[in-house]
Amino acid sequence: MSDTYRTISGPTEGLYKDKGSKFLAFAFPVSNEAEVKEHVERIKKEYFDARHHCYAYALGPNGETFRANDDGEPSGTAGRPIHGQIMSAGLTNVLVVVVRYFGGILLGTSGLIVAYKEATRDALSQAQVKECTVDRRYRIEFDYLSMNSVMKILKEYSMVPQNQQYDMACSLEVDLRLSLCDRMEKSFADLRNPNIVVSELK
């Protein structure tokens, strides 16, 4: 199983025009549904005079969490083509909102599908793609005398301590890419030190 995924590094915009209708596409990197909601609501406020604000997003390393919204367009003509472009670009943790200004001439089902698809493609083609790792978070608890042993393993796996607390009883949290987790757990187990407790945080 791969422990990397591709997303976009920042917001981008795209445009498609057909028979007087304008389709403005806005792509955003997102990490959760709260961010999705925030972007969608902001776009709706900013482009309040548009007829439709359609969108789709994919979240999770394999895009397993997703939604497609047609916002009043005929079913399957907007959200699904937007989502399809995100998937065909091999991206996840991405939201695309397409705002439509109606030009007075109906485009028909196939015309709408093409329009939402092309607007999305244009926005995503402008994006800088970055590769991210799928990480797992751990909490490490240890006594002060075990500090050197813990720090040595952190350094070995280039793990950066977070939420640190150093006293007689010490603790910290680290993130590590999935493919290294078993090896790291074994490194701690090999110490056979009962004063060091490593637990995965869900």
C-alpha atoms as a PDB file:
ATOM      1  CA  MET A   1       0.000   0.000   0.000  1.00  0.00           C
ATOM      2  CA  SER A   2       1.377   3.406  -0.968  1.00  0.00           C
ATOM      3  CA  ASP A   3       1.988   5.872   1.837  1.00  0.00           C
ATOM      4  CA  THR A   4       2.032   8.936  -0.416  1.00  0.00           C
ATOM      5  CA  TYR A   5      -0.652  10.969  -2.153  1.00  0.00           C
ATOM      6  CA  ARG A   6      -0.803  13.945  -4.501  1.00  0.00           C
ATOM      7  CA  THR A   7      -2.596  17.218  -3.817  1.00  0.00           C
ATOM      8  CA  ILE A   8      -2.304  20.853  -4.894  1.00  0.00           C
ATOM      9  CA  SER A   9      -0.077  23.318  -3.073  1.00  0.00           C
ATOM     10  CA  GLY A  10      -2.396  26.330  -3.285  1.00  0.00           C
ATOM     11  CA  PRO A  11      -5.632  27.778  -4.727  1.00  0.00           C
ATOM     12  CA  THR A  12      -6.020  28.149  -8.497  1.00  0.00           C
ATOM     13  CA  GLU A  13      -8.733  29.338 -10.886  1.00  0.00           C
ATOM     14  CA  GLY A  14     -10.068  28.215 -14.245  1.00  0.00           C
ATOM     15  CA  LEU A  15     -12.580  29.460 -16.815  1.00  0.00           C
ATOM     16  CA  TYR A  16     -14.803  27.987 -19.522  1.00  0.00           C
ATOM     17  CA  LYS A  17     -17.305  29.830 -21.734  1.00  0.00           C
ATOM     18  CA  ASP A  18     -20.062  28.472 -23.951  1.00  0.00           C
ATOM     19  CA  LYS A  19     -23.028  30.246 -25.598  1.00  0.00           C
ATOM     20  CA  GLY A  20     -22.851  33.184 -23.239  1.00  0.00           C
ATOM     21  CA  SER A  21     -22.598  31.084 -20.072  1.00  0.00           C
ATOM     22  CA  LYS A  22     -19.486  31.543 -17.968  1.00  0.00           C
ATOM     23  CA  PHE A  23     -18.110  28.812 -15.714  1.00  0.00           C
ATOM     24  CA  LEU A  24     -15.596  30.036 -13.129  1.00  0.00           C
ATOM     25  CA  ALA A  25     -13.706  27.238 -11.397  1.00  0.00           C
ATOM     26  CA  PHE A  26     -11.927  27.574  -8.056  1.00  0.00           C
ATOM     27  CA  ALA A  27      -9.651  24.787  -6.780  1.00  0.00           C
ATOM     28  CA  PHE A  28      -8.460  24.611  -3.164  1.00  0.00           C
ATOM     29  CA  PRO A  29      -6.278  22.260  -1.137  1.00  0.00           C
ATOM     30  CA  VAL A  30      -8.359  20.995   1.812  1.00  0.00           C
ATOM     31  CA  SER A  31      -7.746  18.560   4.657  1.00  0.00           C
ATOM     32  CA  ASN A  32     -11.238  18.118   6.121  1.00  0.00           C
ATOM     33  CA  GLU A  33     -14.943  18.746   5.500  1.00  0.00           C
ATOM     34  CA  ALA A  34     -14.976  21.851   7.721  1.00  0.00           C
ATOM     35  CA  GLU A  35     -12.525  23.525   5.320  1.00  0.00           C
ATOM     36  CA  VAL A  36     -14.684  22.429   2.375  1.00  0.00           C
ATOM     37  CA  LYS A  37     -17.750  24.062   3.927  1.00  0.00           C
ATOM     38  CA  GLU A  38     -15.823  27.259   4.666  1.00  0.00           C
ATOM     39  CA  HIS A  39     -14.601  27.627   1.048  1.00  0.00           C
ATOM     40  CA  VAL A  40     -18.004  26.802  -0.466  1.00  0.00           C
ATOM     41  CA  GLU A  41     -19.816  29.321   1.747  1.00  0.00           C
ATOM     42  CA  ARG A  42     -17.269  32.028   0.959  1.00  0.00           C
ATOM     43  CA  ILE A  43     -17.568  31.468  -2.798  1.00  0.00           C
ATOM     44  CA  LYS A  44     -21.379  31.549  -2.548  1.00  0.00           C
ATOM     45  CA  LYS A  45     -21.215  34.895  -0.726  1.00  0.00           C
ATOM     46  CA  GLU A  46     -18.659  36.366  -3.104  1.00  0.00           C
ATOM     47  CA  TYR A  47     -20.521  35.232  -6.239  1.00  0.00           C
ATOM     48  CA  PHE A  48     -24.024  35.601  -4.813  1.00  0.00           C
ATOM     49  CA  ASP A  49     -25.424  36.757  -8.183  1.00  0.00           C
ATOM     50  CA  ALA A  50     -24.478  33.501  -9.975  1.00  0.00           C
ATOM     51  CA  ARG A  51     -27.168  30.936 -10.745  1.00  0.00           C
ATOM     52  CA  HIS A  52     -25.265  27.827  -9.621  1.00  0.00           C
ATOM     53  CA  HIS A  53     -22.364  27.038  -7.275  1.00  0.00           C
ATOM     54  CA  CYS A  54     -21.534  23.408  -7.998  1.00  0.00           C
ATOM     55  CA  TYR A  55     -18.687  21.547  -6.354  1.00  0.00           C
ATOM     56  CA  ALA A  56     -16.952  18.280  -5.634  1.00  0.00           C
ATOM     57  CA  TYR A  57     -14.179  17.225  -3.314  1.00  0.00           C
ATOM     58  CA  ALA A  58     -12.013  14.233  -2.485  1.00  0.00           C
ATOM     59  CA  LEU A  59     -10.394  13.644   0.914  1.00  0.00           C
ATOM     60  CA  GLY A  60      -8.140  10.930   2.320  1.00  0.00           C
ATOM     61  CA  PRO A  61      -5.007   9.271   0.892  1.00  0.00           C
ATOM     62  CA  ASN A  62      -7.038   7.439  -1.769  1.00  0.00           C
ATOM     63  CA  GLY A  63      -9.821  10.010  -2.183  1.00  0.00           C
ATOM     64  CA  GLU A  64     -12.103   7.657  -0.257  1.00  0.00           C
ATOM     65  CA  THR A  65     -14.174  10.478   1.249  1.00  0.00           C
ATOM     66  CA  PHE A  66     -15.888  12.456  -1.493  1.00  0.00           C
ATOM     67  CA  ARG A  67     -19.009  14.342  -2.455  1.00  0.00           C
ATOM     68  CA  ALA A  68     -20.407  15.817  -5.665  1.00  0.00           C
ATOM     69  CA  ASN A  69     -23.042  18.576  -5.551  1.00  0.00           C
ATOM     70  CA  ASP A  70     -25.031  19.725  -8.619  1.00  0.00           C
ATOM     71  CA  ASP A  71     -26.623  22.749  -6.878  1.00  0.00           C
ATOM     72  CA  GLY A  72     -29.737  22.769  -9.028  1.00  0.00           C
ATOM     73  CA  GLU A  73     -28.185  21.659 -12.323  1.00  0.00           C
ATOM     74  CA  PRO A  74     -29.625  18.450 -13.857  1.00  0.00           C
ATOM     75  CA  SER A  75     -28.484  15.429 -11.836  1.00  0.00           C
ATOM     76  CA  GLY A  76     -24.993  14.223 -12.731  1.00  0.00           C
ATOM     77  CA  THR A  77     -24.130  17.130 -15.022  1.00  0.00           C
ATOM     78  CA  ALA A  78     -21.971  19.197 -12.648  1.00  0.00           C
ATOM     79  CA  GLY A  79     -20.681  17.616  -9.424  1.00  0.00           C
ATOM     80  CA  ARG A  80     -19.823  14.281 -11.013  1.00  0.00           C
ATOM     81  CA  PRO A  81     -17.764  15.746 -13.908  1.00  0.00           C
ATOM     82  CA  ILE A  82     -15.930  17.967 -11.399  1.00  0.00           C
ATOM     83  CA  HIS A  83     -15.147  14.954  -9.199  1.00  0.00           C
ATOM     84  CA  GLY A  84     -14.114  12.954 -12.267  1.00  0.00           C
ATOM     85  CA  GLN A  85     -11.475  15.538 -13.151  1.00  0.00           C
ATOM     86  CA  ILE A  86     -10.051  15.510  -9.619  1.00  0.00           C
ATOM     87  CA  MET A  87      -9.775  11.711  -9.816  1.00  0.00           C
ATOM     88  CA  SER A  88      -8.348  11.592 -13.339  1.00  0.00           C
ATOM     89  CA  ALA A  89      -5.660  14.073 -12.268  1.00  0.00           C
ATOM     90  CA  GLY A  90      -4.707  11.626  -9.507  1.00  0.00           C
ATOM     91  CA  LEU A  91      -5.361  14.169  -6.775  1.00  0.00           C
ATOM     92  CA  THR A  92      -6.953  14.126  -3.340  1.00  0.00           C
ATOM     93  CA  ASN A  93      -7.527  16.581  -0.478  1.00  0.00           C
ATOM     94  CA  VAL A  94      -8.873  18.891  -3.169  1.00  0.00           C
ATOM     95  CA  LEU A  95     -12.088  20.893  -3.511  1.00  0.00           C
ATOM     96  CA  VAL A  96     -13.254  22.443  -6.774  1.00  0.00           C
ATOM     97  CA  VAL A  97     -16.177  24.881  -6.846  1.00  0.00           C
ATOM     98  CA  VAL A  98     -17.540  25.918 -10.248  1.00  0.00           C
ATOM     99  CA  VAL A  99     -19.690  29.060 -10.381  1.00  0.00           C
ATOM    100  CA  ARG A 100     -22.020  29.375 -13.374  1.00  0.00           C
ATOM    101  CA  TYR A 101     -23.382  32.574 -14.829  1.00  0.00           C
ATOM    102  CA  PHE A 102     -26.214  31.659 -17.192  1.00  0.00           C
ATOM    103  CA  GLY A 103     -25.968  33.176 -20.659  1.00  0.00           C
ATOM    104  CA  GLY A 104     -29.586  32.731 -21.706  1.00  0.00           C
ATOM    105  CA  ILE A 105     -29.102  29.689 -23.947  1.00  0.00           C
ATOM    106  CA  LEU A 106     -29.581  26.150 -22.585  1.00  0.00           C
ATOM    107  CA  LEU A 107     -26.526  23.965 -23.102  1.00  0.00           C
ATOM    108  CA  GLY A 108     -28.222  20.585 -22.715  1.00  0.00           C
ATOM    109  CA  THR A 109     -26.991  17.695 -20.599  1.00  0.00           C
ATOM    110  CA  SER A 110     -23.881  16.919 -22.654  1.00  0.00           C
ATOM    111  CA  GLY A 111     -23.001  20.611 -22.943  1.00  0.00           C
ATOM    112  CA  LEU A 112     -23.171  21.048 -19.165  1.00  0.00           C
ATOM    113  CA  ILE A 113     -21.020  17.987 -18.535  1.00  0.00           C
ATOM    114  CA  VAL A 114     -18.366  19.313 -20.927  1.00  0.00           C
ATOM    115  CA  ALA A 115     -18.523  22.808 -19.394  1.00  0.00           C
ATOM    116  CA  TYR A 116     -18.053  21.697 -15.770  1.00  0.00           C
ATOM    117  CA  LYS A 117     -15.389  19.217 -16.814  1.00  0.00           C
ATOM    118  CA  GLU A 118     -13.397  21.762 -18.830  1.00  0.00           C
ATOM    119  CA  ALA A 119     -13.652  24.538 -16.213  1.00  0.00           C
ATOM    120  CA  THR A 120     -12.345  22.102 -13.588  1.00  0.00           C
ATOM    121  CA  ARG A 121      -9.589  20.850 -15.878  1.00  0.00           C
ATOM    122  CA  ASP A 122      -8.485  24.434 -16.512  1.00  0.00           C
ATOM    123  CA  ALA A 123      -8.273  25.216 -12.778  1.00  0.00           C
ATOM    124  CA  LEU A 124      -6.368  22.017 -11.963  1.00  0.00           C
ATOM    125  CA  SER A 125      -3.975  22.482 -14.881  1.00  0.00           C
ATOM    126  CA  GLN A 126      -2.816  25.759 -13.295  1.00  0.00           C
ATOM    127  CA  ALA A 127      -2.078  24.075  -9.961  1.00  0.00           C
ATOM    128  CA  GLN A 128       1.294  23.116  -8.616  1.00  0.00           C
ATOM    129  CA  VAL A 129       1.048  19.488  -7.522  1.00  0.00           C
ATOM    130  CA  LYS A 130       2.880  18.270  -4.440  1.00  0.00           C
ATOM    131  CA  GLU A 131       3.404  14.793  -3.040  1.00  0.00           C
ATOM    132  CA  CYS A 132       2.617  14.243   0.655  1.00  0.00           C
ATOM    133  CA  THR A 133       3.178  11.280   2.943  1.00  0.00           C
ATOM    134  CA  VAL A 134       0.493   9.424   4.861  1.00  0.00           C
ATOM    135  CA  ASP A 135       1.596   9.756   8.483  1.00  0.00           C
ATOM    136  CA  ARG A 136       0.725   8.037  11.719  1.00  0.00           C
ATOM    137  CA  ARG A 137       0.894   9.916  15.041  1.00  0.00           C
ATOM    138  CA  TYR A 138       2.438   8.429  18.178  1.00  0.00           C
ATOM    139  CA  ARG A 139       2.657   9.462  21.823  1.00  0.00           C
ATOM    140  CA  ILE A 140       5.870   8.459  23.580  1.00  0.00           C
ATOM    141  CA  GLU A 141       5.994   8.443  27.382  1.00  0.00           C
ATOM    142  CA  PHE A 142       9.252   7.856  29.243  1.00  0.00           C
ATOM    143  CA  ASP A 143      11.178   8.668  32.394  1.00  0.00           C
ATOM    144  CA  TYR A 144      13.888  11.310  32.403  1.00  0.00           C
ATOM    145  CA  LEU A 145      16.697   8.717  32.495  1.00  0.00           C
ATOM    146  CA  SER A 146      15.460   7.219  29.203  1.00  0.00           C
ATOM    147  CA  MET A 147      15.644  10.561  27.381  1.00  0.00           C
ATOM    148  CA  ASN A 148      18.827   9.777  25.413  1.00  0.00           C
ATOM    149  CA  SER A 149      17.483   6.449  24.147  1.00  0.00           C
ATOM    150  CA  VAL A 150      14.249   8.088  22.971  1.00  0.00           C
ATOM    151  CA  MET A 151      16.015  11.020  21.285  1.00  0.00           C
ATOM    152  CA  LYS A 152      18.417   8.684  19.483  1.00  0.00           C
ATOM    153  CA  ILE A 153      15.503   6.851  17.823  1.00  0.00           C
ATOM    154  CA  LEU A 154      13.724  10.118  17.015  1.00  0.00           C
ATOM    155  CA  LYS A 155      16.880  11.299  15.252  1.00  0.00           C
ATOM    156  CA  GLU A 156      17.285   7.975  13.418  1.00  0.00           C
ATOM    157  CA  TYR A 157      13.812   8.341  11.860  1.00  0.00           C
ATOM    158  CA  SER A 158      13.967  12.158  11.489  1.00  0.00           C
ATOM    159  CA  MET A 159      10.930  12.533  13.735  1.00  0.00           C
ATOM    160  CA  VAL A 160      10.252  16.021  15.085  1.00  0.00           C
ATOM    161  CA  PRO A 161       8.912  16.062  18.672  1.00  0.00           C
ATOM    162  CA  GLN A 162       5.652  17.941  19.286  1.00  0.00           C
ATOM    163  CA  ASN A 163       3.569  18.686  22.401  1.00  0.00           C
ATOM    164  CA  GLN A 164       6.628  17.998  24.522  1.00  0.00           C
ATOM    165  CA  GLN A 165       6.655  17.748  28.281  1.00  0.00           C
ATOM    166  CA  TYR A 166       9.937  17.146  30.090  1.00  0.00           C
ATOM    167  CA  ASP A 167       9.938  16.439  33.803  1.00  0.00           C
ATOM    168  CA  MET A 168      10.564  13.323  35.852  1.00  0.00           C
ATOM    169  CA  ALA A 169       7.767  11.886  33.715  1.00  0.00           C
ATOM    170  CA  CYS A 170       8.258  12.966  30.105  1.00  0.00           C
ATOM    171  CA  SER A 171       6.053  12.733  27.018  1.00  0.00           C
ATOM    172  CA  LEU A 172       5.977  13.910  23.416  1.00  0.00           C
ATOM    173  CA  GLU A 173       4.170  13.248  20.156  1.00  0.00           C
ATOM    174  CA  VAL A 174       5.622  12.500  16.726  1.00  0.00           C
ATOM    175  CA  ASP A 175       4.389  11.892  13.181  1.00  0.00           C
ATOM    176  CA  LEU A 176       5.972   9.206  11.013  1.00  0.00           C
ATOM    177  CA  ARG A 177       5.221   8.066   7.470  1.00  0.00           C
ATOM    178  CA  LEU A 178       3.339   4.790   7.349  1.00  0.00           C
ATOM    179  CA  SER A 179       6.045   2.705   5.644  1.00  0.00           C
ATOM    180  CA  LEU A 180       8.505   3.347   8.517  1.00  0.00           C
ATOM    181  CA  CYS A 181       6.137   2.731  11.431  1.00  0.00           C
ATOM    182  CA  ASP A 182       6.768  -0.998  11.934  1.00  0.00           C
ATOM    183  CA  ARG A 183      10.548  -0.484  11.915  1.00  0.00           C
ATOM    184  CA  MET A 184      10.311   2.390  14.394  1.00  0.00           C
ATOM    185  CA  GLU A 185       8.095   0.371  16.751  1.00  0.00           C
ATOM    186  CA  LYS A 186      10.620  -2.485  16.587  1.00  0.00           C
ATOM    187  CA  SER A 187      13.486  -0.075  17.395  1.00  0.00           C
ATOM    188  CA  PHE A 188      11.707   0.897  20.622  1.00  0.00           C
ATOM    189  CA  ALA A 189      10.758  -2.714  21.405  1.00  0.00           C
ATOM    190  CA  ASP A 190      14.403  -3.770  21.003  1.00  0.00           C
ATOM    191  CA  LEU A 191      15.380  -1.393  23.813  1.00  0.00           C
ATOM    192  CA  ARG A 192      13.420  -3.624  26.225  1.00  0.00           C
ATOM    193  CA  ASN A 193      12.924  -0.597  28.430  1.00  0.00           C
ATOM    194  CA  PRO A 194       9.684  -0.805  30.468  1.00  0.00           C
ATOM    195  CA  ASN A 195       9.945   2.926  31.195  1.00  0.00           C
ATOM    196  CA  ILE A 196       9.328   3.803  27.538  1.00  0.00           C
ATOM    197  CA  VAL A 197       5.718   3.453  26.338  1.00  0.00           C
ATOM    198  CA  VAL A 198       4.904   4.055  22.659  1.00  0.00           C
ATOM    199  CA  SER A 199       1.222   4.291  21.723  1.00  0.00           C
ATOM    200  CA  GLU A 200      -0.468   5.118  18.449  1.00  0.00           C
ATOM    201  CA  LEU A 201      -2.867   8.074  18.546  1.00  0.00           C
ATOM    202  CA  LYS A 202      -6.055   7.646  16.494  1.00  0.00           C
END
